[in-house]
C-alpha atoms as a PDB file:
ATOM      1  CA  MET A   1     -12.847   5.728  28.190  1.00  0.00           C
ATOM      2  CA  ALA A   2     -15.604   3.849  26.406  1.00  0.00           C
ATOM      3  CA  THR A   3     -17.297   1.131  28.347  1.00  0.00           C
ATOM      4  CA  PRO A   4     -17.365  -2.250  26.690  1.00  0.00           C
ATOM      5  CA  GLY A   5     -20.760  -3.268  25.528  1.00  0.00           C
ATOM      6  CA  PRO A   6     -22.396  -5.509  23.023  1.00  0.00           C
ATOM      7  CA  GLN A   7     -20.826  -5.223  19.616  1.00  0.00           C
ATOM      8  CA  LYS A   8     -23.033  -4.537  16.655  1.00  0.00           C
ATOM      9  CA  ILE A   9     -22.851  -7.385  14.175  1.00  0.00           C
ATOM     10  CA  HIS A  10     -23.497  -6.461  10.572  1.00  0.00           C
ATOM     11  CA  ARG A  11     -25.405  -8.974   8.517  1.00  0.00           C
ATOM     12  CA  TYR A  12     -24.795  -8.671   4.816  1.00  0.00           C
ATOM     13  CA  GLY A  13     -27.048 -10.198   2.198  1.00  0.00           C
ATOM     14  CA  SER A  14     -25.733 -12.706  -0.304  1.00  0.00           C
ATOM     15  CA  ALA A  15     -26.223 -10.235  -3.182  1.00  0.00           C
ATOM     16  CA  PHE A  16     -23.933  -7.723  -1.428  1.00  0.00           C
ATOM     17  CA  LYS A  17     -21.346 -10.417  -0.712  1.00  0.00           C
ATOM     18  CA  LEU A  18     -21.403 -11.678  -4.281  1.00  0.00           C
ATOM     19  CA  GLN A  19     -21.071  -8.173  -5.678  1.00  0.00           C
ATOM     20  CA  ALA A  20     -18.113  -7.494  -3.374  1.00  0.00           C
ATOM     21  CA  VAL A  21     -16.462 -10.735  -4.488  1.00  0.00           C
ATOM     22  CA  GLN A  22     -17.111  -9.917  -8.128  1.00  0.00           C
ATOM     23  CA  MET A  23     -15.579  -6.441  -7.701  1.00  0.00           C
ATOM     24  CA  SER A  24     -12.510  -7.906  -6.009  1.00  0.00           C
ATOM     25  CA  GLN A  25     -11.963 -10.311  -8.908  1.00  0.00           C
ATOM     26  CA  GLN A  26     -11.601  -7.520 -11.486  1.00  0.00           C
ATOM     27  CA  SER A  27      -8.123  -7.140 -12.929  1.00  0.00           C
ATOM     28  CA  GLY A  28      -6.033  -4.382 -11.385  1.00  0.00           C
ATOM     29  CA  VAL A  29      -8.143  -4.223  -8.222  1.00  0.00           C
ATOM     30  CA  ARG A  30      -6.815  -5.184  -4.791  1.00  0.00           C
ATOM     31  CA  ILE A  31      -8.904  -6.799  -2.073  1.00  0.00           C
ATOM     32  CA  LYS A  32      -7.964  -4.152   0.475  1.00  0.00           C
ATOM     33  CA  ASP A  33      -9.149  -1.371  -1.844  1.00  0.00           C
ATOM     34  CA  VAL A  34     -12.517  -3.041  -2.418  1.00  0.00           C
ATOM     35  CA  ALA A  35     -12.870  -3.669   1.313  1.00  0.00           C
ATOM     36  CA  ALA A  36     -12.064  -0.043   2.140  1.00  0.00           C
ATOM     37  CA  THR A  37     -14.555   1.182  -0.449  1.00  0.00           C
ATOM     38  CA  LEU A  38     -17.291  -1.022   0.992  1.00  0.00           C
ATOM     39  CA  ALA A  39     -16.282  -0.250   4.617  1.00  0.00           C
ATOM     40  CA  ILE A  40     -15.652  -3.897   5.490  1.00  0.00           C
ATOM     41  CA  HIS A  41     -12.592  -5.684   6.798  1.00  0.00           C
ATOM     42  CA  PRO A  42     -10.380  -7.257   4.094  1.00  0.00           C
ATOM     43  CA  PHE A  43     -10.495 -10.573   5.985  1.00  0.00           C
ATOM     44  CA  MET A  44     -14.279 -10.637   5.612  1.00  0.00           C
ATOM     45  CA  LEU A  45     -13.984 -10.154   1.854  1.00  0.00           C
ATOM     46  CA  SER A  46     -11.354 -12.900   1.662  1.00  0.00           C
ATOM     47  CA  LYS A  47     -13.690 -15.167   3.601  1.00  0.00           C
ATOM     48  CA  TRP A  48     -16.507 -14.453   1.135  1.00  0.00           C
ATOM     49  CA  ARG A  49     -14.172 -15.160  -1.799  1.00  0.00           C
ATOM     50  CA  LYS A  50     -13.348 -18.534  -0.236  1.00  0.00           C
ATOM     51  CA  GLN A  51     -17.049 -19.269   0.283  1.00  0.00           C
ATOM     52  CA  VAL A  52     -17.691 -18.575  -3.405  1.00  0.00           C
ATOM     53  CA  ARG A  53     -14.777 -20.840  -4.437  1.00  0.00           C
ATOM     54  CA  ASP A  54     -16.056 -23.611  -2.149  1.00  0.00           C
ATOM     55  CA  GLY A  55     -19.621 -23.240  -3.447  1.00  0.00           C
ATOM     56  CA  GLU A  56     -21.007 -22.183  -0.053  1.00  0.00           C
ATOM     57  CA  LEU A  57     -22.049 -18.764  -1.343  1.00  0.00           C
ATOM     58  CA  VAL A  58     -24.031 -18.936  -4.565  1.00  0.00           C
ATOM     59  CA  GLY A  59     -26.532 -16.732  -6.309  1.00  0.00           C
ATOM     60  CA  LEU A  60     -26.819 -14.010  -8.853  1.00  0.00           C
ATOM     61  CA  PRO A  61     -24.935 -10.890  -7.875  1.00  0.00           C
ATOM     62  CA  ALA A  62     -26.218  -7.459  -8.601  1.00  0.00           C
ATOM     63  CA  PRO A  63     -24.564  -5.831 -11.603  1.00  0.00           C
ATOM     64  CA  VAL A  64     -21.100  -4.535 -10.832  1.00  0.00           C
ATOM     65  CA  ASP A  65     -20.749  -0.794 -10.616  1.00  0.00           C
ATOM     66  CA  THR A  66     -18.231  -0.262 -13.415  1.00  0.00           C
ATOM     67  CA  GLN A  67     -17.517   3.271 -12.272  1.00  0.00           C
ATOM     68  CA  ALA A  68     -16.472   1.970  -8.845  1.00  0.00           C
ATOM     69  CA  VAL A  69     -14.207  -0.643 -10.443  1.00  0.00           C
ATOM     70  CA  VAL A  70     -12.587   2.017 -12.638  1.00  0.00           C
ATOM     71  CA  GLU A  71     -12.041   4.226  -9.588  1.00  0.00           C
ATOM     72  CA  LEU A  72     -10.474   1.328  -7.679  1.00  0.00           C
ATOM     73  CA  GLN A  73      -8.124   0.620 -10.576  1.00  0.00           C
ATOM     74  CA  ARG A  74      -7.214   4.308 -10.770  1.00  0.00           C
ATOM     75  CA  LEU A  75      -6.593   4.398  -7.017  1.00  0.00           C
ATOM     76  CA  CYS A  76      -4.300   1.382  -7.242  1.00  0.00           C
ATOM     77  CA  ALA A  77      -2.319   2.944 -10.090  1.00  0.00           C
ATOM     78  CA  MET A  78      -1.983   6.235  -8.220  1.00  0.00           C
ATOM     79  CA  GLU A  79      -0.778   4.463  -5.064  1.00  0.00           C
ATOM     80  CA  GLN A  80       1.889   2.659  -7.083  1.00  0.00           C
ATOM     81  CA  GLN A  81       2.981   5.914  -8.712  1.00  0.00           C
ATOM     82  CA  PHE A  82       3.073   7.657  -5.324  1.00  0.00           C
ATOM     83  CA  LYS A  83       5.223   4.880  -3.871  1.00  0.00           C
ATOM     84  CA  ARG A  84       7.643   5.115  -6.808  1.00  0.00           C
ATOM     85  CA  LEU A  85       7.845   8.909  -6.451  1.00  0.00           C
ATOM     86  CA  GLN A  86       8.574   8.580  -2.740  1.00  0.00           C
ATOM     87  CA  GLN A  87      11.439   6.184  -3.490  1.00  0.00           C
ATOM     88  CA  GLU A  88      12.813   8.532  -6.148  1.00  0.00           C
ATOM     89  CA  HIS A  89      12.578  11.462  -3.731  1.00  0.00           C
ATOM     90  CA  GLU A  90      14.508   9.573  -1.050  1.00  0.00           C
ATOM     91  CA  LEU A  91      17.164   8.599  -3.595  1.00  0.00           C
ATOM     92  CA  LEU A  92      17.537  12.210  -4.742  1.00  0.00           C
ATOM     93  CA  LYS A  93      17.868  13.427  -1.162  1.00  0.00           C
ATOM     94  CA  LYS A  94      20.665  10.904  -0.583  1.00  0.00           C
ATOM     95  CA  ALA A  95      22.407  11.926  -3.817  1.00  0.00           C
ATOM     96  CA  ILE A  96      22.252  15.607  -2.862  1.00  0.00           C
ATOM     97  CA  ARG A  97      23.660  14.878   0.602  1.00  0.00           C
ATOM     98  CA  PHE A  98      26.443  12.811  -0.920  1.00  0.00           C
ATOM     99  CA  ALA A  99      27.300  15.468  -3.518  1.00  0.00           C
ATOM    100  CA  PHE A 100      27.361  18.409  -1.132  1.00  0.00           C
ATOM    101  CA  ASP A 101      28.830  16.867   2.022  1.00  0.00           C
ATOM    102  CA  PRO A 102      32.330  18.155   2.656  1.00  0.00           C
ATOM    103  CA  LYS A 103      34.908  15.617   1.660  1.00  0.00           C
ATOM    104  CA  PRO A 104      36.832  14.078   4.543  1.00  0.00           C
ATOM    105  CA  LYS A 105      40.241  15.664   4.933  1.00  0.00           C
ATOM    106  CA  SER A 106      43.252  13.390   4.918  1.00  0.00           C
ATOM    107  CA  PHE A 107      46.413  13.882   6.849  1.00  0.00           C
ATOM    108  CA  ALA A 108      49.963  12.979   5.915  1.00  0.00           C
ATOM    109  CA  LEU A 109      53.028  12.966   8.101  1.00  0.00           C
ATOM    110  CA  SER A 110      55.818  15.359   7.317  1.00  0.00           C
ATOM    111  CA  GLU A 111      58.963  13.432   6.421  1.00  0.00           C
ATOM    112  CA  GLN A 112      61.152  15.938   8.184  1.00  0.00           C
ATOM    113  CA  THR A 113      59.340  16.513  11.475  1.00  0.00           C
ATOM    114  CA  GLY A 114      56.833  13.655  11.668  1.00  0.00           C
ATOM    115  CA  THR A 115      53.993  16.080  12.382  1.00  0.00           C
ATOM    116  CA  PRO A 116      50.670  15.778  10.573  1.00  0.00           C
ATOM    117  CA  ILE A 117      49.987  18.128   7.684  1.00  0.00           C
ATOM    118  CA  LEU A 118      46.610  18.720   6.079  1.00  0.00           C
ATOM    119  CA  CYS A 119      46.224  17.461   2.492  1.00  0.00           C
ATOM    120  CA  ASN A 120      43.365  18.584   0.257  1.00  0.00           C
END
């Protein structure tokens, strides 16, 4: 078991924060993907976005790495496709179970004896 100790606090420069905010504002990019790429918590990135909106965080950001933005957009698209394929797979499994499950047998009573007889 790890003993509790002082936590390391990361201090990020304003250029890094502004670049992260700028990356998160690209179309087709989610905050959580940018945060994961930069190894920061999504809440921290949301906080920085709010600081930029409120004018508390200002400056010139470093140029955005377009390759990273493209990769984030590709990741987002692949996650959506994966989710859709998982749903389709589950639906197909249910359809196969439904199609190949034995049909429930029904019983009818014999008019003469009153005993059940199996109907197909």
